[in-house]
Amino acid sequence: SLLTFWHLSTTAHVITVSVPPLVAEGDDVLFLVHNLPEEIKSFVWFKGLGNATGKIATYARHRNSRRPGPAYSNRETIYQNGSMLFEKVILKDSGFYTLKAYDRLGNIVSTTHVTLNVHAELWKCGRRSTSSQPTIESVPPRVAEGRSVLLLVRNLPEHITAFLWFKGETDFKKRLLAFHHLPSRKPVFWGRAYSGRETLNSDGSLLLHSVSRKDSGLYILRILRIDGKYEEAQVQLQVD
């Protein structure tokens, strides 16, 4: 579900989407925020419509600090771009969530909402079963230790909003390698799996420098679309 609030002084509007749109109980979900104004000094996530008792956490951009509220469950992680990672969700987490952004004077600049849908069984959504589904090719197919390898992405879908690379599995907190909002001029957020030897290209392809045997294994790319759905592709990296 997606609702937006138009800021009267600009043509851009803040958008929040749930990734994935439907999530199974026990999995992680990311509330992905687009177009948060640069002049924002702080923002607050709420469970519900924005009452004080539903406050999850406040984030102050200038101090890069987070302050938990009454509704904080120790499973939420808030990022500087406004996005919030919600880990190991349960059925009771389903419902309405609100993000409020404030300027330096404490005035509300934007308000946006997202609905979290948690289900007892796994739903597969946002995937296309067609021949044009994205694929990843390792170039070269096998790489020697100390060399570089490109994980080349083909058949990208239209209307892409973000790329997320994972090492091993789609675990947002432990296995996230890179998280990049488009357009390409925005900085890349590097996750825990980042080794300092990766470069993310504008087409979503991932370049690994000076690989070692520890880099071998499964890599997964999640491609987010403007409609809130996503495509996934994976590749097995072989290092000799």
C-alpha atoms as a PDB file:
ATOM      1  CA  SER A   1       0.000   0.000   0.000  1.00  0.00           C
ATOM      2  CA  LEU A   2       1.224   3.461  -0.809  1.00  0.00           C
ATOM      3  CA  LEU A   3       0.126   6.951   0.218  1.00  0.00           C
ATOM      4  CA  THR A   4       1.967  10.200  -0.465  1.00  0.00           C
ATOM      5  CA  PHE A   5       1.892  13.743   0.874  1.00  0.00           C
ATOM      6  CA  TRP A   6       2.557  16.574  -1.582  1.00  0.00           C
ATOM      7  CA  HIS A   7       4.837  19.315  -0.308  1.00  0.00           C
ATOM      8  CA  LEU A   8       3.384  22.585  -1.607  1.00  0.00           C
ATOM      9  CA  SER A   9       6.700  24.344  -2.162  1.00  0.00           C
ATOM     10  CA  THR A  10       8.111  21.763  -4.592  1.00  0.00           C
ATOM     11  CA  THR A  11       7.052  19.465  -7.366  1.00  0.00           C
ATOM     12  CA  ALA A  12       8.810  16.485  -5.732  1.00  0.00           C
ATOM     13  CA  HIS A  13       6.913  14.374  -3.261  1.00  0.00           C
ATOM     14  CA  VAL A  14       8.014  11.933  -0.587  1.00  0.00           C
ATOM     15  CA  ILE A  15       7.155   8.301  -1.286  1.00  0.00           C
ATOM     16  CA  THR A  16       7.368   5.360   1.109  1.00  0.00           C
ATOM     17  CA  VAL A  17       7.019   1.755  -0.051  1.00  0.00           C
ATOM     18  CA  SER A  18       7.185  -1.583   1.723  1.00  0.00           C
ATOM     19  CA  VAL A  19       9.833  -3.934   0.322  1.00  0.00           C
ATOM     20  CA  PRO A  20       8.558  -6.562  -0.147  1.00  0.00           C
ATOM     21  CA  PRO A  21       4.888  -5.446  -0.330  1.00  0.00           C
ATOM     22  CA  LEU A  22       3.794  -8.643   1.456  1.00  0.00           C
ATOM     23  CA  VAL A  23       6.079 -10.216   4.046  1.00  0.00           C
ATOM     24  CA  ALA A  24       5.988 -13.556   5.829  1.00  0.00           C
ATOM     25  CA  GLU A  25       6.034 -13.771   9.601  1.00  0.00           C
ATOM     26  CA  GLY A  26       9.633 -13.919  10.860  1.00  0.00           C
ATOM     27  CA  ASP A  27      11.107 -12.165   7.823  1.00  0.00           C
ATOM     28  CA  ASP A  28      12.535  -8.648   7.475  1.00  0.00           C
ATOM     29  CA  VAL A  29      10.909  -5.740   5.656  1.00  0.00           C
ATOM     30  CA  LEU A  30      12.312  -2.404   4.509  1.00  0.00           C
ATOM     31  CA  PHE A  31      10.210   0.772   4.481  1.00  0.00           C
ATOM     32  CA  LEU A  32      11.993   2.428   1.571  1.00  0.00           C
ATOM     33  CA  VAL A  33      11.765   6.237   1.388  1.00  0.00           C
ATOM     34  CA  HIS A  34      12.231   8.232  -1.829  1.00  0.00           C
ATOM     35  CA  ASN A  35      12.688  11.999  -2.340  1.00  0.00           C
ATOM     36  CA  LEU A  36      13.197  13.046   1.276  1.00  0.00           C
ATOM     37  CA  PRO A  37      14.107  16.784   0.993  1.00  0.00           C
ATOM     38  CA  GLU A  38      17.730  17.692   1.659  1.00  0.00           C
ATOM     39  CA  GLU A  39      16.746  20.461   4.086  1.00  0.00           C
ATOM     40  CA  ILE A  40      15.224  17.941   6.484  1.00  0.00           C
ATOM     41  CA  LYS A  41      16.901  18.151   9.913  1.00  0.00           C
ATOM     42  CA  SER A  42      15.041  15.303  11.609  1.00  0.00           C
ATOM     43  CA  PHE A  43      12.312  12.755  11.040  1.00  0.00           C
ATOM     44  CA  VAL A  44      10.189  10.449  13.171  1.00  0.00           C
ATOM     45  CA  TRP A  45       8.698   7.027  12.479  1.00  0.00           C
ATOM     46  CA  PHE A  46       5.387   6.117  14.136  1.00  0.00           C
ATOM     47  CA  LYS A  47       3.226   3.019  14.421  1.00  0.00           C
ATOM     48  CA  GLY A  48      -0.212   4.322  13.501  1.00  0.00           C
ATOM     49  CA  LEU A  49      -1.186   7.825  12.396  1.00  0.00           C
ATOM     50  CA  GLY A  50       1.498   9.722  14.274  1.00  0.00           C
ATOM     51  CA  ASN A  51       0.479   9.905  17.933  1.00  0.00           C
ATOM     52  CA  ALA A  52       3.165  10.285  20.601  1.00  0.00           C
ATOM     53  CA  THR A  53       2.422   6.856  22.091  1.00  0.00           C
ATOM     54  CA  GLY A  54       3.090   5.282  18.697  1.00  0.00           C
ATOM     55  CA  LYS A  55       6.509   6.882  18.242  1.00  0.00           C
ATOM     56  CA  ILE A  56       9.091   4.291  17.169  1.00  0.00           C
ATOM     57  CA  ALA A  57      12.186   6.485  16.913  1.00  0.00           C
ATOM     58  CA  THR A  58      13.472   9.967  16.107  1.00  0.00           C
ATOM     59  CA  TYR A  59      16.455  10.490  13.815  1.00  0.00           C
ATOM     60  CA  ALA A  60      18.460  13.761  13.933  1.00  0.00           C
ATOM     61  CA  ARG A  61      20.377  14.137  10.685  1.00  0.00           C
ATOM     62  CA  HIS A  62      22.922  16.731  11.816  1.00  0.00           C
ATOM     63  CA  ARG A  63      23.987  14.540  14.762  1.00  0.00           C
ATOM     64  CA  ASN A  64      23.438  11.220  12.996  1.00  0.00           C
ATOM     65  CA  SER A  65      21.676  10.100  16.166  1.00  0.00           C
ATOM     66  CA  ARG A  66      18.623   7.938  16.843  1.00  0.00           C
ATOM     67  CA  ARG A  67      16.364   8.204  19.900  1.00  0.00           C
ATOM     68  CA  PRO A  68      13.875   5.365  20.521  1.00  0.00           C
ATOM     69  CA  GLY A  69      10.261   6.072  21.456  1.00  0.00           C
ATOM     70  CA  PRO A  70       7.513   4.180  23.328  1.00  0.00           C
ATOM     71  CA  ALA A  71       6.698   1.941  20.322  1.00  0.00           C
ATOM     72  CA  TYR A  72      10.311   0.910  19.675  1.00  0.00           C
ATOM     73  CA  SER A  73      10.641  -2.894  19.736  1.00  0.00           C
ATOM     74  CA  ASN A  74      14.443  -3.201  19.346  1.00  0.00           C
ATOM     75  CA  ARG A  75      13.864  -4.595  15.839  1.00  0.00           C
ATOM     76  CA  GLU A  76      13.874  -1.288  13.939  1.00  0.00           C
ATOM     77  CA  THR A  77      16.905   0.326  12.281  1.00  0.00           C
ATOM     78  CA  ILE A  78      16.566   3.823  10.799  1.00  0.00           C
ATOM     79  CA  TYR A  79      18.845   5.140   8.056  1.00  0.00           C
ATOM     80  CA  GLN A  80      19.841   8.692   7.150  1.00  0.00           C
ATOM     81  CA  ASN A  81      17.726   8.654   3.977  1.00  0.00           C
ATOM     82  CA  GLY A  82      14.591   8.067   6.070  1.00  0.00           C
ATOM     83  CA  SER A  83      14.225   4.361   5.330  1.00  0.00           C
ATOM     84  CA  MET A  84      13.534   1.959   8.185  1.00  0.00           C
ATOM     85  CA  LEU A  85      14.462  -1.721   8.409  1.00  0.00           C
ATOM     86  CA  PHE A  86      11.985  -3.799  10.446  1.00  0.00           C
ATOM     87  CA  GLU A  87      13.396  -7.197  11.464  1.00  0.00           C
ATOM     88  CA  LYS A  88      11.603 -10.472  12.216  1.00  0.00           C
ATOM     89  CA  VAL A  89       8.100  -9.097  11.850  1.00  0.00           C
ATOM     90  CA  ILE A  90       5.111 -10.797  13.468  1.00  0.00           C
ATOM     91  CA  LEU A  91       1.406 -10.701  12.669  1.00  0.00           C
ATOM     92  CA  LYS A  92       0.822  -8.010  15.314  1.00  0.00           C
ATOM     93  CA  ASP A  93       3.192  -5.687  13.416  1.00  0.00           C
ATOM     94  CA  SER A  94       0.686  -5.447  10.553  1.00  0.00           C
ATOM     95  CA  GLY A  95      -0.884  -2.039  10.151  1.00  0.00           C
ATOM     96  CA  PHE A  96      -0.320   1.596   9.363  1.00  0.00           C
ATOM     97  CA  TYR A  97       3.066   3.363   9.751  1.00  0.00           C
ATOM     98  CA  THR A  98       3.768   7.089   9.470  1.00  0.00           C
ATOM     99  CA  LEU A  99       6.932   9.037   8.676  1.00  0.00           C
ATOM    100  CA  LYS A 100       7.040  12.747   9.589  1.00  0.00           C
ATOM    101  CA  ALA A 101       9.922  14.961   8.465  1.00  0.00           C
ATOM    102  CA  TYR A 102      10.828  18.298  10.122  1.00  0.00           C
ATOM    103  CA  ASP A 103      12.908  21.339   9.197  1.00  0.00           C
ATOM    104  CA  ARG A 104      15.360  23.133  11.500  1.00  0.00           C
ATOM    105  CA  LEU A 105      12.532  25.145  13.083  1.00  0.00           C
ATOM    106  CA  GLY A 106      10.596  22.031  13.980  1.00  0.00           C
ATOM    107  CA  ASN A 107       7.942  22.521  11.311  1.00  0.00           C
ATOM    108  CA  ILE A 108       6.540  19.452   9.539  1.00  0.00           C
ATOM    109  CA  VAL A 109       7.776  19.449   5.938  1.00  0.00           C
ATOM    110  CA  SER A 110       6.215  16.171   4.829  1.00  0.00           C
ATOM    111  CA  THR A 111       4.099  13.302   6.097  1.00  0.00           C
ATOM    112  CA  THR A 112       3.895   9.947   4.365  1.00  0.00           C
ATOM    113  CA  HIS A 113       2.325   6.607   5.249  1.00  0.00           C
ATOM    114  CA  VAL A 114       2.869   2.946   4.430  1.00  0.00           C
ATOM    115  CA  THR A 115       0.880  -0.169   5.312  1.00  0.00           C
ATOM    116  CA  LEU A 116       2.676  -3.303   6.490  1.00  0.00           C
ATOM    117  CA  ASN A 117       1.052  -6.608   5.509  1.00  0.00           C
ATOM    118  CA  VAL A 118       2.399  -9.592   7.454  1.00  0.00           C
ATOM    119  CA  HIS A 119       1.201 -13.090   6.571  1.00  0.00           C
ATOM    120  CA  ALA A 120       1.627 -16.409   8.319  1.00  0.00           C
ATOM    121  CA  GLU A 121       2.869 -18.053   5.125  1.00  0.00           C
ATOM    122  CA  LEU A 122       5.263 -16.803   2.492  1.00  0.00           C
ATOM    123  CA  TRP A 123       3.800 -14.920  -0.467  1.00  0.00           C
ATOM    124  CA  LYS A 124       5.827 -14.633  -3.638  1.00  0.00           C
ATOM    125  CA  CYS A 125       5.094 -11.298  -5.253  1.00  0.00           C
ATOM    126  CA  GLY A 126       6.570  -8.918  -7.758  1.00  0.00           C
ATOM    127  CA  ARG A 127       8.322 -11.635  -9.762  1.00  0.00           C
ATOM    128  CA  ARG A 128       7.963 -12.128 -13.489  1.00  0.00           C
ATOM    129  CA  SER A 129       8.100 -15.599 -15.020  1.00  0.00           C
ATOM    130  CA  THR A 130       9.081 -14.481 -18.505  1.00  0.00           C
ATOM    131  CA  SER A 131      12.126 -14.813 -20.689  1.00  0.00           C
ATOM    132  CA  SER A 132      12.946 -11.144 -20.082  1.00  0.00           C
ATOM    133  CA  GLN A 133      13.562 -11.730 -16.389  1.00  0.00           C
ATOM    134  CA  PRO A 134      16.828 -10.123 -15.188  1.00  0.00           C
ATOM    135  CA  THR A 135      19.931 -12.323 -15.175  1.00  0.00           C
ATOM    136  CA  ILE A 136      23.460 -11.939 -13.831  1.00  0.00           C
ATOM    137  CA  GLU A 137      26.569 -13.145 -15.645  1.00  0.00           C
ATOM    138  CA  SER A 138      29.979 -13.526 -14.024  1.00  0.00           C
ATOM    139  CA  VAL A 139      32.671 -12.035 -16.285  1.00  0.00           C
ATOM    140  CA  PRO A 140      34.869 -14.043 -16.392  1.00  0.00           C
ATOM    141  CA  PRO A 141      32.888 -17.162 -15.377  1.00  0.00           C
ATOM    142  CA  ARG A 142      35.743 -18.251 -13.087  1.00  0.00           C
ATOM    143  CA  VAL A 143      38.231 -15.813 -11.605  1.00  0.00           C
ATOM    144  CA  ALA A 144      41.648 -16.343 -10.042  1.00  0.00           C
ATOM    145  CA  GLU A 145      42.454 -15.013  -6.580  1.00  0.00           C
ATOM    146  CA  GLY A 146      43.712 -11.449  -6.672  1.00  0.00           C
ATOM    147  CA  ARG A 147      41.927 -10.621  -9.930  1.00  0.00           C
ATOM    148  CA  SER A 148      38.737  -8.616 -10.569  1.00  0.00           C
ATOM    149  CA  VAL A 149      35.342  -9.918 -11.677  1.00  0.00           C
ATOM    150  CA  LEU A 150      32.228  -8.177 -12.945  1.00  0.00           C
ATOM    151  CA  LEU A 151      28.761  -9.433 -11.996  1.00  0.00           C
ATOM    152  CA  LEU A 152      27.047  -8.148 -15.118  1.00  0.00           C
ATOM    153  CA  VAL A 153      23.279  -7.528 -15.011  1.00  0.00           C
ATOM    154  CA  ARG A 154      21.170  -8.099 -18.129  1.00  0.00           C
ATOM    155  CA  ASN A 155      17.471  -7.547 -19.002  1.00  0.00           C
ATOM    156  CA  LEU A 156      16.827  -4.785 -16.501  1.00  0.00           C
ATOM    157  CA  PRO A 157      13.117  -3.936 -16.039  1.00  0.00           C
ATOM    158  CA  GLU A 158      11.740  -0.445 -16.619  1.00  0.00           C
ATOM    159  CA  HIS A 159      11.066   2.228 -13.975  1.00  0.00           C
ATOM    160  CA  ILE A 160      13.762   1.126 -11.520  1.00  0.00           C
ATOM    161  CA  THR A 161      14.023   2.987  -8.216  1.00  0.00           C
ATOM    162  CA  ALA A 162      16.788   1.107  -6.375  1.00  0.00           C
ATOM    163  CA  PHE A 163      19.313  -1.736  -6.438  1.00  0.00           C
ATOM    164  CA  LEU A 164      20.032  -3.966  -3.427  1.00  0.00           C
ATOM    165  CA  TRP A 165      22.919  -6.460  -3.516  1.00  0.00           C
ATOM    166  CA  PHE A 166      23.217  -9.272  -0.980  1.00  0.00           C
ATOM    167  CA  LYS A 167      26.028 -11.729  -0.252  1.00  0.00           C
ATOM    168  CA  GLY A 168      24.601 -15.175   0.399  1.00  0.00           C
ATOM    169  CA  GLU A 169      20.942 -14.430   1.141  1.00  0.00           C
ATOM    170  CA  THR A 170      18.468 -11.536   1.292  1.00  0.00           C
ATOM    171  CA  ASP A 171      19.148 -10.652   4.924  1.00  0.00           C
ATOM    172  CA  PHE A 172      18.907  -6.856   5.156  1.00  0.00           C
ATOM    173  CA  LYS A 173      20.974  -6.497   8.315  1.00  0.00           C
ATOM    174  CA  LYS A 174      23.722  -9.122   8.064  1.00  0.00           C
ATOM    175  CA  ARG A 175      24.006  -9.892   4.353  1.00  0.00           C
ATOM    176  CA  LEU A 176      23.286  -6.527   2.715  1.00  0.00           C
ATOM    177  CA  LEU A 177      26.224  -5.528   0.533  1.00  0.00           C
ATOM    178  CA  ALA A 178      24.971  -2.395  -1.220  1.00  0.00           C
ATOM    179  CA  PHE A 179      21.780  -0.324  -1.295  1.00  0.00           C
ATOM    180  CA  HIS A 180      21.519   2.326  -4.022  1.00  0.00           C
ATOM    181  CA  HIS A 181      18.620   4.700  -4.638  1.00  0.00           C
ATOM    182  CA  LEU A 182      18.331   6.031  -8.155  1.00  0.00           C
ATOM    183  CA  PRO A 183      19.122   8.446  -9.788  1.00  0.00           C
ATOM    184  CA  SER A 184      22.764   7.432  -9.900  1.00  0.00           C
ATOM    185  CA  ARG A 185      24.009  10.717  -8.432  1.00  0.00           C
ATOM    186  CA  LYS A 186      22.762   9.635  -5.016  1.00  0.00           C
ATOM    187  CA  PRO A 187      25.388   7.964  -2.800  1.00  0.00           C
ATOM    188  CA  VAL A 188      25.502   4.213  -2.301  1.00  0.00           C
ATOM    189  CA  PHE A 189      24.737   2.871   1.182  1.00  0.00           C
ATOM    190  CA  TRP A 190      27.113   0.001   1.949  1.00  0.00           C
ATOM    191  CA  GLY A 191      25.935  -2.781   4.249  1.00  0.00           C
ATOM    192  CA  ARG A 192      27.709  -5.171   6.603  1.00  0.00           C
ATOM    193  CA  ALA A 193      28.751  -7.504   3.784  1.00  0.00           C
ATOM    194  CA  TYR A 194      30.743  -4.707   2.097  1.00  0.00           C
ATOM    195  CA  SER A 195      34.483  -5.456   2.067  1.00  0.00           C
ATOM    196  CA  GLY A 196      35.714  -2.148   0.617  1.00  0.00           C
ATOM    197  CA  ARG A 197      36.594  -3.849  -2.674  1.00  0.00           C
ATOM    198  CA  GLU A 198      33.222  -3.546  -4.416  1.00  0.00           C
ATOM    199  CA  THR A 199      32.068  -0.925  -6.925  1.00  0.00           C
ATOM    200  CA  LEU A 200      28.402  -0.581  -7.911  1.00  0.00           C
ATOM    201  CA  ASN A 201      27.814   0.595 -11.473  1.00  0.00           C
ATOM    202  CA  SER A 202      24.875   2.700 -12.633  1.00  0.00           C
ATOM    203  CA  ASP A 203      23.312  -0.291 -14.438  1.00  0.00           C
ATOM    204  CA  GLY A 204      23.293  -2.349 -11.228  1.00  0.00           C
ATOM    205  CA  SER A 205      26.335  -4.448 -12.160  1.00  0.00           C
ATOM    206  CA  LEU A 206      28.776  -5.139  -9.321  1.00  0.00           C
ATOM    207  CA  LEU A 207      32.561  -5.051  -9.760  1.00  0.00           C
ATOM    208  CA  LEU A 208      34.686  -6.949  -7.214  1.00  0.00           C
ATOM    209  CA  HIS A 209      38.386  -6.133  -6.970  1.00  0.00           C
ATOM    210  CA  SER A 210      41.192  -8.381  -5.699  1.00  0.00           C
ATOM    211  CA  VAL A 211      38.894 -11.316  -4.981  1.00  0.00           C
ATOM    212  CA  SER A 212      39.765 -14.082  -2.541  1.00  0.00           C
ATOM    213  CA  ARG A 213      38.282 -17.512  -1.946  1.00  0.00           C
ATOM    214  CA  LYS A 214      36.133 -16.008   0.803  1.00  0.00           C
ATOM    215  CA  ASP A 215      34.307 -14.055  -1.919  1.00  0.00           C
ATOM    216  CA  SER A 216      33.072 -17.295  -3.521  1.00  0.00           C
ATOM    217  CA  GLY A 217      29.394 -18.087  -3.224  1.00  0.00           C
ATOM    218  CA  LEU A 218      25.935 -16.812  -3.979  1.00  0.00           C
ATOM    219  CA  TYR A 219      25.196 -13.158  -4.803  1.00  0.00           C
ATOM    220  CA  ILE A 220      21.625 -11.856  -5.078  1.00  0.00           C
ATOM    221  CA  LEU A 221      20.450  -8.624  -6.709  1.00  0.00           C
ATOM    222  CA  ARG A 222      17.018  -7.235  -5.827  1.00  0.00           C
ATOM    223  CA  ILE A 223      15.778  -4.601  -8.297  1.00  0.00           C
ATOM    224  CA  LEU A 224      13.039  -2.341  -6.905  1.00  0.00           C
ATOM    225  CA  ARG A 225      10.464  -0.814  -9.236  1.00  0.00           C
ATOM    226  CA  ILE A 226       8.407   2.361  -8.889  1.00  0.00           C
ATOM    227  CA  ASP A 227       5.239   0.307  -8.302  1.00  0.00           C
ATOM    228  CA  GLY A 228       6.749  -1.149  -5.125  1.00  0.00           C
ATOM    229  CA  LYS A 229       7.314  -4.601  -6.642  1.00  0.00           C
ATOM    230  CA  TYR A 230      10.711  -6.106  -7.314  1.00  0.00           C
ATOM    231  CA  GLU A 231      12.733  -8.429  -9.520  1.00  0.00           C
ATOM    232  CA  GLU A 232      15.456 -10.748  -8.278  1.00  0.00           C
ATOM    233  CA  ALA A 233      18.430 -12.380  -9.972  1.00  0.00           C
ATOM    234  CA  GLN A 234      21.325 -14.393  -8.569  1.00  0.00           C
ATOM    235  CA  VAL A 235      24.729 -15.653  -9.587  1.00  0.00           C
ATOM    236  CA  GLN A 236      27.267 -18.076  -8.148  1.00  0.00           C
ATOM    237  CA  LEU A 237      30.777 -16.617  -7.999  1.00  0.00           C
ATOM    238  CA  GLN A 238      33.634 -19.104  -8.423  1.00  0.00           C
ATOM    239  CA  VAL A 239      37.099 -18.052  -7.289  1.00  0.00           C
ATOM    240  CA  ASP A 240      40.054 -20.337  -8.096  1.00  0.00           C
END
